[in-house]
């Protein structure tokens, strides 16, 4: 089934691919792997869920931030690959959570990205993952996601 059709059925759509916020490219292809740059929850230029998860950003908002960050990764992949149907396997997701002191639920936050990928691709959407708490993220983002996919 077409990935974008599944997104629509979930009430979601791919945003416009975000412009890089620095001196890098959004996706790097190496052999049969595509590596995305880190993406935050900025949908069509509007930054969402800013701040620290656990202090001003709720766990639920953190999960939504991870989902939206993942959507930006997918939008960048589509722009580079021409179609998300070229994705053979989601290999790895790396998630950074702008965490308040004492916040320890980074894995639950990054589930926002992981659950989306599994819902879209089924078994090939299951992946290795890291969920890391950090003191700050660019532009005050609450979550940043990067991905490695097999194409």
Protein backbone atom coordinates (compact mmCIF):
# COMPACT_ATOMS: atom_id res chain seq x y z
CA UNK A 1 0.00 0.00 0.00
CA UNK A 2 1.23 3.48 -0.78
CA UNK A 3 2.78 5.16 2.27
CA UNK A 4 1.20 8.56 1.61
CA UNK A 5 -2.22 6.94 1.35
CA UNK A 6 -1.65 5.31 4.75
CA UNK A 7 -0.66 8.69 6.18
CA UNK A 8 -3.87 10.23 4.86
CA UNK A 9 -5.91 7.43 6.44
CA UNK A 10 -4.18 8.28 9.73
CA UNK A 11 -5.16 11.95 9.33
CA UNK A 12 -1.58 12.97 8.53
CA UNK A 13 0.31 14.19 5.47
CA UNK A 14 3.89 14.82 4.53
CA UNK A 15 4.90 18.41 5.19
CA UNK A 16 6.94 20.45 2.76
CA UNK A 17 10.56 19.28 3.18
CA UNK A 18 12.29 21.66 5.61
CA UNK A 19 15.20 23.78 4.49
CA UNK A 20 18.51 22.96 6.17
CA UNK A 21 19.23 25.12 9.23
CA UNK A 22 22.97 25.03 8.59
CA UNK A 23 25.71 23.85 6.24
CA UNK A 24 24.51 20.32 5.46
CA UNK A 25 22.27 18.38 3.09
CA UNK A 26 18.95 16.85 4.22
CA UNK A 27 19.72 13.31 2.98
CA UNK A 28 22.97 11.52 2.16
CA UNK A 29 22.92 8.35 0.05
CA UNK A 30 25.73 5.83 0.57
CA UNK A 31 25.29 2.61 -1.39
CA UNK A 32 21.87 1.23 -0.53
CA UNK A 33 21.48 3.35 2.61
CA UNK A 34 19.93 6.78 3.01
CA UNK A 35 20.86 8.86 6.06
CA UNK A 36 18.67 11.79 7.02
CA UNK A 37 19.91 14.88 8.76
CA UNK A 38 18.33 15.57 12.12
CA UNK A 39 14.83 17.02 11.83
CA UNK A 40 12.72 18.87 14.39
CA UNK A 41 8.95 19.34 14.64
CA UNK A 42 8.63 22.21 12.22
CA UNK A 43 5.65 21.62 9.96
CA UNK A 44 5.65 23.80 6.84
CA UNK A 45 7.91 26.33 8.57
CA UNK A 46 5.94 26.50 11.84
CA UNK A 47 7.97 25.25 14.80
CA UNK A 48 5.88 23.27 17.25
CA UNK A 49 6.23 21.91 20.80
CA UNK A 50 9.17 24.11 21.75
CA UNK A 51 10.96 23.71 25.06
CA UNK A 52 11.94 20.97 27.47
CA UNK A 53 9.94 17.80 27.79
CA UNK A 54 9.01 17.50 31.44
CA UNK A 55 9.00 21.27 31.97
CA UNK A 56 6.65 23.20 29.68
CA UNK A 57 6.29 20.40 27.12
CA UNK A 58 4.17 17.45 28.24
CA UNK A 59 4.99 13.82 27.52
CA UNK A 60 2.08 13.76 25.05
CA UNK A 61 3.44 16.85 23.27
CA UNK A 62 6.89 15.25 23.20
CA UNK A 63 5.42 12.18 21.49
CA UNK A 64 3.73 14.46 18.92
CA UNK A 65 7.01 16.31 18.43
CA UNK A 66 8.78 13.02 17.70
CA UNK A 67 6.03 12.08 15.22
CA UNK A 68 6.26 15.45 13.45
CA UNK A 69 10.07 15.30 13.40
CA UNK A 70 9.80 11.86 11.79
CA UNK A 71 7.37 13.25 9.20
CA UNK A 72 10.05 15.79 8.27
CA UNK A 73 12.57 12.98 7.85
CA UNK A 74 10.10 11.21 5.56
CA UNK A 75 9.45 14.39 3.58
CA UNK A 76 13.21 14.81 3.06
CA UNK A 77 13.52 11.17 2.01
CA UNK A 78 10.70 11.53 -0.49
CA UNK A 79 12.32 14.65 -1.95
CA UNK A 80 15.63 12.81 -2.38
CA UNK A 81 14.28 9.41 -3.49
CA UNK A 82 11.26 10.55 -5.51
CA UNK A 83 9.01 8.10 -3.67
CA UNK A 84 8.81 6.55 -0.21
CA UNK A 85 7.97 3.27 -1.96
CA UNK A 86 11.74 2.94 -2.55
CA UNK A 87 12.27 2.34 1.19
CA UNK A 88 13.03 -1.35 1.76
CA UNK A 89 13.71 -1.20 5.50
CA UNK A 90 13.84 1.32 8.32
CA UNK A 91 17.24 0.44 9.80
CA UNK A 92 17.72 2.88 12.68
CA UNK A 93 16.13 5.87 14.37
CA UNK A 94 18.14 8.20 16.58
CA UNK A 95 16.06 10.46 18.79
CA UNK A 96 17.23 13.39 20.91
CA UNK A 97 14.89 14.73 23.58
CA UNK A 98 15.38 18.23 25.04
CA UNK A 99 14.88 16.99 28.60
CA UNK A 100 14.13 18.82 31.81
CA UNK A 101 16.36 17.81 34.74
CA UNK A 102 15.11 14.51 36.11
CA UNK A 103 13.03 13.63 33.01
CA UNK A 104 13.67 9.96 32.28
CA UNK A 105 11.01 8.99 29.72
CA UNK A 106 12.99 9.58 26.52
CA UNK A 107 12.06 6.13 25.12
CA UNK A 108 8.34 6.93 25.50
CA UNK A 109 8.83 10.23 23.66
CA UNK A 110 10.66 8.64 20.72
CA UNK A 111 7.88 6.08 20.43
CA UNK A 112 6.07 8.88 18.56
CA UNK A 113 8.45 8.27 15.66
CA UNK A 114 8.81 4.51 16.07
CA UNK A 115 5.07 3.87 16.25
CA UNK A 116 4.49 5.97 13.13
CA UNK A 117 7.09 4.03 11.14
CA UNK A 118 5.71 0.67 12.24
CA UNK A 119 2.15 1.77 11.41
CA UNK A 120 3.27 2.85 7.93
CA UNK A 121 5.57 -0.03 6.97
CA UNK A 122 4.64 -2.90 9.29
CA UNK A 123 7.55 -5.27 9.92
CA UNK A 124 9.95 -3.41 7.63
CA UNK A 125 9.25 -0.30 9.74
CA UNK A 126 10.63 -1.98 12.88
CA UNK A 127 14.11 -0.65 13.59
CA UNK A 128 17.02 -0.32 15.97
CA UNK A 129 16.84 2.88 18.00
CA UNK A 130 18.50 5.19 20.47
CA UNK A 131 16.60 7.69 22.64
CA UNK A 132 18.93 10.25 24.19
CA UNK A 133 18.18 13.06 26.64
CA UNK A 134 20.01 16.31 25.90
CA UNK A 135 20.27 19.72 27.60
CA UNK A 136 19.30 21.79 24.52
CA UNK A 137 18.32 21.40 20.87
CA UNK A 138 18.47 23.85 17.95
CA UNK A 139 15.78 26.54 17.88
CA UNK A 140 14.42 25.37 21.24
CA UNK A 141 12.99 22.18 19.70
CA UNK A 142 11.78 19.52 22.10
CA UNK A 143 12.79 16.57 19.87
CA UNK A 144 15.15 15.92 16.98
CA UNK A 145 15.02 12.72 14.91
CA UNK A 146 17.38 11.26 12.35
CA UNK A 147 16.99 8.03 10.42
CA UNK A 148 18.91 5.44 8.44
CA UNK A 149 16.90 3.56 5.82
CA UNK A 150 17.72 0.85 3.32
CA UNK A 151 16.68 1.66 -0.24
